Structures are given as C-alpha cells and as structure tokens.
Amino acid sequence: MKLGILFTVLVTIVLVQAPANSSVLQTGSDDKAKLTHLKKVLWKKAYREQDTALLESILAEEFQVIFDGGEWSDKKGELEYIKKNRPDYDSFEYEIRRLDIFANGTAIIAGEGHVIGKNANGEYEYKYQSSNVLIKRNGNWKAISSHVSGVKHLKGERRR
C-alpha cells in the first residue's frame, strides 16, 4: 500500500515539474542546422539575387506574410516582388533569437534583421523583428507564414 502511494506521489511530482514546452523536440540538431541555414543563408540569398526558383523552394503554396505596416502578401506576390525589385542594401544580417522545432513537424524561427544600404534618397539603416512558421513536408522545411514588426529606423528611412 505504501509503495503504491509513493509511486503516485513520484509520478505527480514528475508531471508537475515537466516543462510547459514539452512538445518542443529536444533532438533534431540536423533539422536545427537546416532551418538555421534556410533562414540565415538561403532566404537572404533568394531576395539578394532575385532568385525566384530558390524562393519558390522555400515558400509553401499557402505562404502569407504580414508586413510592419499591416500589408499582406502571399507566395505569388513575393515571387513577383523579387522579380521586379533589385535590393539596394549593402548589408543584411539576421540574428535568430528563437528556433523551436515541435513534434508535429512545425518550427518557429524568430529574430531580428539589421539592414544597411543606400538608395536615391541617401543612406539608410534599420532593424526589425520577424517571426516565421515552417512545416516539414516530404523531408523539406517550407515557410507557411511570416510576420514583420518593430521596424526601427536608425538612419534615413527605407520602406519596402
């Protein structure tokens, strides 16, 4: 009888102390490396080089983005945008502050972008926050959602 009570108490303690984010995978360093490379290298390269094929491979068909001003775009809109708009920035860096991979094949990447450039209006520099939701399909990670906010102009002003 005492053994049964002790077992029940121990199980209760373990369950109470389990982290709230227990659905976050603690393994999957290969996926973590793939997602980091996708966000910090490939996504940036697609926009920088106006590589629509690369962006096509990153974005899921149902991809949507919300920009800091409240405007929305989808996969088709982003592909059209990079076709028509050559970047005028000199430097773009993205710092990942959150990268969680969930057991259901979903990942969240969030962080801060820092952009420095020069255009017809002069030099500009800004930082922004963004979050991205990705899903794993057939072994490949695809972005289904992005959200940009908190744009802070440090020099000049540059809008999309």
Protein backbone atom coordinates (compact mmCIF):
# COMPACT_ATOMS: atom_id res chain seq x y z
CA MET A 1 0.00 0.00 0.00
CA LYS A 2 2.76 2.45 0.96
CA LEU A 3 4.62 1.60 -2.25
CA GLY A 4 1.53 2.49 -4.32
CA ILE A 5 1.17 5.86 -2.56
CA LEU A 6 4.88 6.59 -3.02
CA PHE A 7 4.65 5.73 -6.73
CA THR A 8 1.62 8.03 -7.16
CA VAL A 9 3.41 10.88 -5.40
CA LEU A 10 6.54 10.46 -7.56
CA VAL A 11 4.52 10.39 -10.80
CA THR A 12 2.64 13.53 -9.71
CA ILE A 13 5.90 15.33 -8.93
CA VAL A 14 7.36 14.43 -12.33
CA LEU A 15 4.23 15.57 -14.18
CA VAL A 16 4.03 18.85 -12.27
CA GLN A 17 7.67 19.59 -12.95
CA ALA A 18 7.51 18.76 -16.69
CA PRO A 19 8.27 21.85 -18.77
CA ALA A 20 5.34 23.66 -20.35
CA ASN A 21 7.02 23.37 -23.76
CA SER A 22 7.47 19.58 -23.59
CA SER A 23 6.17 19.33 -27.18
CA VAL A 24 9.34 21.10 -28.32
CA LEU A 25 11.76 18.49 -29.61
CA GLN A 26 14.99 18.35 -27.69
CA THR A 27 16.70 16.48 -30.52
CA GLY A 28 16.82 17.16 -34.23
CA SER A 29 20.10 19.03 -34.48
CA ASP A 30 20.07 18.18 -38.20
CA ASP A 31 16.74 19.96 -38.56
CA LYS A 32 18.01 22.85 -36.46
CA ALA A 33 21.03 23.22 -38.75
CA LYS A 34 18.82 23.01 -41.87
CA LEU A 35 16.43 25.65 -40.54
CA THR A 36 19.27 27.96 -39.50
CA HIS A 37 20.83 27.65 -42.97
CA LEU A 38 17.45 28.21 -44.63
CA LYS A 39 16.78 31.40 -42.65
CA LYS A 40 20.25 32.94 -42.46
CA VAL A 41 21.63 31.93 -45.87
CA LEU A 42 19.09 30.68 -48.42
CA TRP A 43 16.20 33.07 -47.72
CA LYS A 44 18.57 36.04 -47.79
CA LYS A 45 20.21 34.75 -50.99
CA ALA A 46 16.84 34.38 -52.75
CA TYR A 47 15.98 38.05 -52.17
CA ARG A 48 19.53 39.36 -52.73
CA GLU A 49 20.00 37.55 -56.04
CA GLN A 50 16.36 37.82 -57.16
CA ASP A 51 16.34 34.01 -57.30
CA THR A 52 12.69 33.13 -57.79
CA ALA A 53 13.43 29.38 -58.09
CA LEU A 54 15.13 29.41 -54.69
CA LEU A 55 12.32 31.41 -53.09
CA GLU A 56 9.79 29.07 -54.73
CA SER A 57 11.51 26.15 -52.96
CA ILE A 58 11.42 27.91 -49.56
CA LEU A 59 7.80 29.09 -49.52
CA ALA A 60 4.83 26.71 -49.22
CA GLU A 61 1.93 27.25 -51.61
CA GLU A 62 -0.19 28.68 -48.76
CA PHE A 63 2.55 31.09 -47.58
CA GLN A 64 1.41 34.51 -46.36
CA VAL A 65 3.33 37.40 -44.85
CA ILE A 66 2.16 40.41 -42.85
CA PHE A 67 4.44 43.46 -43.03
CA ASP A 68 5.02 46.07 -40.34
CA GLY A 69 2.51 48.45 -41.93
CA GLY A 70 -0.23 45.82 -41.96
CA GLU A 71 0.05 44.95 -45.67
CA TRP A 72 -0.30 41.30 -46.63
CA SER A 73 1.38 39.31 -49.39
CA ASP A 74 1.40 35.68 -50.47
CA LYS A 75 3.80 33.38 -52.32
CA LYS A 76 2.82 34.72 -55.75
CA GLY A 77 3.23 38.31 -54.52
CA GLU A 78 6.67 37.64 -53.08
CA LEU A 79 7.87 35.94 -56.26
CA GLU A 80 6.63 38.91 -58.31
CA TYR A 81 8.23 41.36 -55.88
CA ILE A 82 11.72 39.86 -56.06
CA LYS A 83 11.49 39.61 -59.86
CA LYS A 84 10.84 43.36 -60.14
CA ASN A 85 12.83 44.82 -57.23
CA ARG A 86 16.59 44.64 -57.07
CA PRO A 87 17.79 45.12 -53.48
CA ASP A 88 19.66 48.35 -52.75
CA TYR A 89 21.07 47.35 -49.38
CA ASP A 90 24.77 46.79 -48.79
CA SER A 91 24.42 44.64 -45.70
CA PHE A 92 21.73 42.38 -44.29
CA GLU A 93 22.15 40.22 -41.20
CA TYR A 94 19.59 38.17 -39.32
CA GLU A 95 20.02 37.08 -35.71
CA ILE A 96 17.89 34.11 -34.71
CA ARG A 97 16.58 34.59 -31.18
CA ARG A 98 14.15 31.70 -31.17
CA LEU A 99 14.25 28.42 -33.06
CA ASP A 100 11.84 25.79 -31.79
CA ILE A 101 11.02 22.55 -33.58
CA PHE A 102 7.81 20.86 -32.48
CA ALA A 103 6.96 17.17 -32.50
CA ASN A 104 4.15 17.79 -35.02
CA GLY A 105 6.60 18.86 -37.77
CA THR A 106 6.22 22.59 -37.20
CA ALA A 107 9.02 25.06 -36.48
CA ILE A 108 9.18 28.68 -35.38
CA ILE A 109 12.08 30.94 -36.25
CA ALA A 110 12.04 34.44 -34.80
CA GLY A 111 14.66 37.12 -34.52
CA GLU A 112 15.99 40.48 -35.60
CA GLY A 113 17.06 41.70 -39.03
CA HIS A 114 19.57 44.52 -39.47
CA VAL A 115 19.76 46.26 -42.86
CA ILE A 116 22.19 48.94 -44.09
CA GLY A 117 22.03 50.46 -47.55
CA LYS A 118 21.98 53.44 -49.85
CA ASN A 119 19.40 54.44 -52.43
CA ALA A 120 18.34 57.57 -54.33
CA ASN A 121 17.26 59.15 -51.03
CA GLY A 122 20.64 58.55 -49.38
CA GLU A 123 21.93 56.18 -46.74
CA TYR A 124 19.57 54.20 -44.54
CA GLU A 125 19.77 51.72 -41.71
CA TYR A 126 17.03 49.90 -39.84
CA LYS A 127 16.29 46.94 -37.62
CA TYR A 128 13.12 44.88 -37.48
CA GLN A 129 11.65 41.87 -35.71
CA SER A 130 10.20 38.92 -37.58
CA SER A 131 8.71 35.53 -36.91
CA ASN A 132 8.34 32.65 -39.32
CA VAL A 133 6.33 29.44 -39.12
CA LEU A 134 7.57 26.48 -41.14
CA ILE A 135 6.26 22.97 -41.69
CA LYS A 136 8.13 19.85 -42.72
CA ARG A 137 6.75 18.21 -45.87
CA ASN A 138 8.38 15.22 -47.54
CA GLY A 139 11.56 15.87 -45.56
CA ASN A 140 11.78 19.56 -46.58
CA TRP A 141 11.03 22.64 -44.50
CA LYS A 142 8.58 25.11 -46.09
CA ALA A 143 7.63 28.55 -44.78
CA ILE A 144 3.88 28.99 -44.37
CA SER A 145 3.81 32.31 -42.50
CA SER A 146 5.94 35.36 -41.76
CA HIS A 147 5.26 38.46 -39.72
CA VAL A 148 7.37 41.62 -39.58
CA SER A 149 7.08 44.24 -36.85
CA GLY A 150 9.01 46.70 -34.75
CA VAL A 151 10.87 48.44 -37.57
CA LYS A 152 13.27 50.99 -36.09
CA HIS A 153 14.93 53.41 -38.46
CA LEU A 154 18.46 54.16 -37.28
CA LYS A 155 19.39 56.33 -40.27
CA GLY A 156 17.24 57.65 -43.10
CA GLU A 157 14.13 55.74 -43.99
CA ARG A 158 13.65 52.74 -46.23
CA ARG A 159 10.29 51.13 -46.87
CA ARG A 160 9.55 48.11 -48.96
